[in-house]
Amino acid sequence: MRPEKRRLAPLAWTPAVLWFTLAAGPGAVIGNTVFGDPNEPSTWWFGIPSIWTWQVLGWASGVGLIWFVGQHMGLATVPRHESAAAEKS
């Protein structure tokens, strides 16, 4: 990573940890009831079960996180120098 991009590392770690916790990890349990009662379709905010909405929001935020890490932190660019390949002796 380029030195000028290193200062963005804490800015990337915070949403990454939140995403792993809330979207892909145990926080997904929250999504079961946050947008309505799963057993009562009349309470669903978007006309679909709450967990579906939670997972779509998690997917979209994950795409945004990958975009940020790839584009703004420079992890989707070709390195400036060539690294030596490890050879088996």
N, C-alpha and C. Protein backbone atom coordinates (compact mmCIF):
# COMPACT_ATOMS: atom_id res chain seq x y z
N MET A 1 0.84 -1.17 0.00
CA MET A 1 0.00 0.00 0.00
C MET A 1 0.90 1.24 0.00
N ARG A 2 0.52 2.23 -0.75
CA ARG A 2 1.30 3.46 -0.81
C ARG A 2 1.24 4.19 0.53
N PRO A 3 2.32 4.87 0.90
CA PRO A 3 2.37 5.56 2.20
C PRO A 3 1.25 6.57 2.41
N GLU A 4 0.86 7.29 1.37
CA GLU A 4 -0.20 8.30 1.55
C GLU A 4 -1.57 7.66 1.78
N LYS A 5 -1.71 6.39 1.43
CA LYS A 5 -2.97 5.69 1.65
C LYS A 5 -3.01 4.98 3.02
N ARG A 6 -1.89 4.85 3.67
CA ARG A 6 -1.83 4.15 4.96
C ARG A 6 -2.68 4.84 6.02
N ARG A 7 -2.83 6.14 5.92
CA ARG A 7 -3.63 6.86 6.92
C ARG A 7 -5.11 6.50 6.83
N LEU A 8 -5.53 5.92 5.71
CA LEU A 8 -6.93 5.51 5.54
C LEU A 8 -7.20 4.13 6.15
N ALA A 9 -6.17 3.43 6.58
CA ALA A 9 -6.35 2.07 7.10
C ALA A 9 -7.34 2.00 8.27
N PRO A 10 -7.24 2.86 9.30
CA PRO A 10 -8.24 2.79 10.37
C PRO A 10 -9.65 3.08 9.86
N LEU A 11 -9.73 3.95 8.86
CA LEU A 11 -11.04 4.27 8.29
C LEU A 11 -11.64 3.07 7.57
N ALA A 12 -10.82 2.17 7.09
CA ALA A 12 -11.31 0.96 6.41
C ALA A 12 -11.57 -0.16 7.40
N TRP A 13 -10.77 -0.27 8.45
CA TRP A 13 -10.94 -1.35 9.42
C TRP A 13 -12.26 -1.23 10.19
N THR A 14 -12.65 -0.03 10.54
CA THR A 14 -13.87 0.15 11.34
C THR A 14 -15.10 -0.37 10.60
N PRO A 15 -15.37 0.08 9.37
CA PRO A 15 -16.55 -0.48 8.70
C PRO A 15 -16.40 -1.97 8.37
N ALA A 16 -15.17 -2.43 8.15
CA ALA A 16 -14.98 -3.85 7.86
C ALA A 16 -15.37 -4.71 9.05
N VAL A 17 -14.93 -4.32 10.23
CA VAL A 17 -15.29 -5.09 11.44
C VAL A 17 -16.79 -5.01 11.69
N LEU A 18 -17.38 -3.82 11.51
CA LEU A 18 -18.82 -3.69 11.67
C LEU A 18 -19.57 -4.56 10.66
N TRP A 19 -19.09 -4.59 9.41
CA TRP A 19 -19.76 -5.39 8.41
C TRP A 19 -19.70 -6.87 8.75
N PHE A 20 -18.51 -7.36 9.14
CA PHE A 20 -18.38 -8.77 9.50
C PHE A 20 -19.27 -9.13 10.68
N THR A 21 -19.42 -8.21 11.61
CA THR A 21 -20.24 -8.48 12.79
C THR A 21 -21.73 -8.42 12.47
N LEU A 22 -22.16 -7.38 11.78
CA LEU A 22 -23.59 -7.17 11.57
C LEU A 22 -24.16 -7.89 10.35
N ALA A 23 -23.43 -7.92 9.26
CA ALA A 23 -23.99 -8.48 8.03
C ALA A 23 -23.68 -9.95 7.87
N ALA A 24 -22.46 -10.36 8.19
CA ALA A 24 -22.07 -11.74 7.94
C ALA A 24 -21.99 -12.57 9.21
N GLY A 25 -22.05 -11.95 10.35
CA GLY A 25 -21.84 -12.67 11.59
C GLY A 25 -23.06 -12.71 12.47
N PRO A 26 -22.83 -12.70 13.78
CA PRO A 26 -23.94 -12.85 14.73
C PRO A 26 -24.93 -11.70 14.72
N GLY A 27 -24.52 -10.55 14.19
CA GLY A 27 -25.43 -9.41 14.12
C GLY A 27 -26.59 -9.62 13.17
N ALA A 28 -26.50 -10.63 12.32
CA ALA A 28 -27.59 -10.91 11.39
C ALA A 28 -28.86 -11.31 12.14
N VAL A 29 -28.74 -11.75 13.37
CA VAL A 29 -29.92 -12.09 14.17
C VAL A 29 -30.76 -10.84 14.42
N ILE A 30 -30.10 -9.69 14.52
CA ILE A 30 -30.82 -8.43 14.71
C ILE A 30 -31.76 -8.20 13.53
N GLY A 31 -31.29 -8.54 12.34
CA GLY A 31 -32.07 -8.31 11.14
C GLY A 31 -33.35 -9.10 11.05
N ASN A 32 -33.52 -10.07 11.90
CA ASN A 32 -34.73 -10.89 11.85
C ASN A 32 -35.96 -10.11 12.29
N THR A 33 -35.78 -9.10 13.14
CA THR A 33 -36.94 -8.37 13.66
C THR A 33 -36.85 -6.86 13.49
N VAL A 34 -35.75 -6.34 12.98
CA VAL A 34 -35.58 -4.89 12.93
C VAL A 34 -36.52 -4.20 11.95
N PHE A 35 -36.96 -4.85 10.90
CA PHE A 35 -37.85 -4.25 9.91
C PHE A 35 -39.25 -4.87 9.94
N GLY A 36 -39.65 -5.39 11.08
CA GLY A 36 -40.98 -5.95 11.24
C GLY A 36 -40.94 -7.34 11.85
N ASP A 37 -42.06 -7.75 12.38
CA ASP A 37 -42.19 -9.07 13.00
C ASP A 37 -42.18 -10.13 11.91
N PRO A 38 -41.27 -11.12 12.01
CA PRO A 38 -41.19 -12.13 10.95
C PRO A 38 -42.46 -12.98 10.82
N ASN A 39 -43.27 -13.05 11.86
CA ASN A 39 -44.49 -13.87 11.81
C ASN A 39 -45.73 -13.08 11.42
N GLU A 40 -45.58 -11.78 11.20
CA GLU A 40 -46.73 -10.93 10.86
C GLU A 40 -46.42 -10.11 9.62
N PRO A 41 -46.78 -10.61 8.43
CA PRO A 41 -46.46 -9.91 7.18
C PRO A 41 -46.98 -8.47 7.11
N SER A 42 -48.01 -8.13 7.83
CA SER A 42 -48.53 -6.76 7.77
C SER A 42 -47.58 -5.76 8.41
N THR A 43 -46.60 -6.20 9.18
CA THR A 43 -45.64 -5.29 9.82
C THR A 43 -44.35 -5.14 9.03
N TRP A 44 -44.20 -5.85 7.94
CA TRP A 44 -42.97 -5.78 7.15
C TRP A 44 -42.90 -4.42 6.47
N TRP A 45 -41.80 -3.70 6.63
CA TRP A 45 -41.65 -2.35 6.11
C TRP A 45 -41.64 -2.31 4.58
N PHE A 46 -40.97 -3.23 3.95
CA PHE A 46 -40.79 -3.18 2.50
C PHE A 46 -41.56 -4.28 1.76
N GLY A 47 -42.45 -4.94 2.46
CA GLY A 47 -43.24 -5.99 1.84
C GLY A 47 -42.51 -7.32 1.73
N ILE A 48 -41.33 -7.41 2.29
CA ILE A 48 -40.57 -8.66 2.32
C ILE A 48 -40.13 -8.90 3.75
N PRO A 49 -39.79 -10.14 4.09
CA PRO A 49 -39.37 -10.43 5.46
C PRO A 49 -38.18 -9.57 5.87
N SER A 50 -38.13 -9.24 7.13
CA SER A 50 -37.10 -8.37 7.68
C SER A 50 -35.69 -8.88 7.41
N ILE A 51 -35.49 -10.17 7.54
CA ILE A 51 -34.14 -10.72 7.34
C ILE A 51 -33.68 -10.55 5.90
N TRP A 52 -34.62 -10.59 4.95
CA TRP A 52 -34.25 -10.37 3.54
C TRP A 52 -33.76 -8.93 3.35
N THR A 53 -34.50 -7.99 3.92
CA THR A 53 -34.09 -6.58 3.84
C THR A 53 -32.73 -6.40 4.48
N TRP A 54 -32.52 -6.99 5.64
CA TRP A 54 -31.25 -6.89 6.35
C TRP A 54 -30.11 -7.44 5.50
N GLN A 55 -30.34 -8.56 4.86
CA GLN A 55 -29.29 -9.18 4.05
C GLN A 55 -29.01 -8.38 2.77
N VAL A 56 -30.04 -7.80 2.17
CA VAL A 56 -29.82 -6.96 0.99
C VAL A 56 -29.02 -5.72 1.38
N LEU A 57 -29.34 -5.10 2.50
CA LEU A 57 -28.58 -3.96 2.98
C LEU A 57 -27.14 -4.38 3.32
N GLY A 58 -26.97 -5.56 3.90
CA GLY A 58 -25.64 -6.07 4.19
C GLY A 58 -24.84 -6.33 2.92
N TRP A 59 -25.49 -6.87 1.91
CA TRP A 59 -24.81 -7.11 0.64
C TRP A 59 -24.38 -5.78 0.02
N ALA A 60 -25.28 -4.81 -0.01
CA ALA A 60 -24.97 -3.51 -0.61
C ALA A 60 -23.85 -2.81 0.13
N SER A 61 -23.87 -2.87 1.45
CA SER A 61 -22.79 -2.23 2.21
C SER A 61 -21.47 -2.98 2.01
N GLY A 62 -21.52 -4.29 1.81
CA GLY A 62 -20.31 -5.06 1.51
C GLY A 62 -19.71 -4.68 0.17
N VAL A 63 -20.56 -4.46 -0.82
CA VAL A 63 -20.08 -4.00 -2.13
C VAL A 63 -19.43 -2.63 -1.99
N GLY A 64 -20.04 -1.75 -1.22
CA GLY A 64 -19.46 -0.43 -0.97
C GLY A 64 -18.13 -0.51 -0.25
N LEU A 65 -18.02 -1.42 0.69
CA LEU A 65 -16.78 -1.61 1.43
C LEU A 65 -15.67 -2.12 0.52
N ILE A 66 -15.97 -3.09 -0.34
CA ILE A 66 -14.99 -3.60 -1.28
C ILE A 66 -14.56 -2.51 -2.26
N TRP A 67 -15.51 -1.70 -2.71
CA TRP A 67 -15.20 -0.59 -3.61
C TRP A 67 -14.26 0.40 -2.93
N PHE A 68 -14.54 0.74 -1.67
CA PHE A 68 -13.68 1.68 -0.95
C PHE A 68 -12.26 1.13 -0.79
N VAL A 69 -12.16 -0.11 -0.37
CA VAL A 69 -10.84 -0.72 -0.17
C VAL A 69 -10.10 -0.85 -1.49
N GLY A 70 -10.79 -1.21 -2.54
CA GLY A 70 -10.14 -1.39 -3.83
C GLY A 70 -9.72 -0.10 -4.49
N GLN A 71 -10.61 0.87 -4.52
CA GLN A 71 -10.34 2.10 -5.25
C GLN A 71 -9.64 3.17 -4.41
N HIS A 72 -10.17 3.47 -3.26
CA HIS A 72 -9.63 4.58 -2.48
C HIS A 72 -8.38 4.24 -1.69
N MET A 73 -8.22 2.99 -1.36
CA MET A 73 -7.01 2.61 -0.63
C MET A 73 -5.93 2.09 -1.57
N GLY A 74 -6.26 1.94 -2.83
CA GLY A 74 -5.27 1.55 -3.82
C GLY A 74 -4.95 0.07 -3.86
N LEU A 75 -5.83 -0.77 -3.35
CA LEU A 75 -5.56 -2.20 -3.35
C LEU A 75 -6.00 -2.88 -4.64
N ALA A 76 -6.57 -2.11 -5.57
CA ALA A 76 -6.96 -2.67 -6.86
C ALA A 76 -6.04 -2.18 -7.97
N THR A 77 -4.87 -1.73 -7.60
CA THR A 77 -3.93 -1.22 -8.60
C THR A 77 -2.73 -2.15 -8.73
N VAL A 78 -2.08 -2.05 -9.85
CA VAL A 78 -0.88 -2.85 -10.10
C VAL A 78 0.26 -2.25 -9.28
N PRO A 79 1.06 -3.08 -8.61
CA PRO A 79 2.18 -2.55 -7.83
C PRO A 79 3.19 -1.82 -8.72
N ARG A 80 3.85 -0.81 -8.15
CA ARG A 80 4.83 -0.05 -8.92
C ARG A 80 6.09 -0.84 -9.21
N HIS A 81 6.47 -1.71 -8.31
CA HIS A 81 7.70 -2.49 -8.51
C HIS A 81 7.35 -3.97 -8.52
N GLU A 82 8.18 -4.71 -9.18
CA GLU A 82 7.95 -6.15 -9.31
C GLU A 82 8.60 -6.85 -8.12
N SER A 83 7.87 -7.72 -7.48
CA SER A 83 8.44 -8.46 -6.37
C SER A 83 9.03 -9.77 -6.87
N ALA A 84 10.05 -10.22 -6.21
CA ALA A 84 10.71 -11.45 -6.60
C ALA A 84 9.85 -12.65 -6.19
N ALA A 85 9.72 -13.59 -7.07
CA ALA A 85 8.95 -14.79 -6.77
C ALA A 85 9.76 -15.71 -5.87
N ALA A 86 9.08 -16.35 -4.96
CA ALA A 86 9.78 -17.31 -4.11
C ALA A 86 10.03 -18.58 -4.90
N GLU A 87 11.25 -19.00 -4.91
CA GLU A 87 11.62 -20.19 -5.67
C GLU A 87 11.90 -21.34 -4.72
N LYS A 88 11.51 -22.49 -5.13
CA LYS A 88 11.75 -23.69 -4.34
C LYS A 88 13.16 -24.18 -4.64
N SER A 89 13.94 -24.40 -3.59
CA SER A 89 15.33 -24.85 -3.85
C SER A 89 15.46 -26.35 -3.80
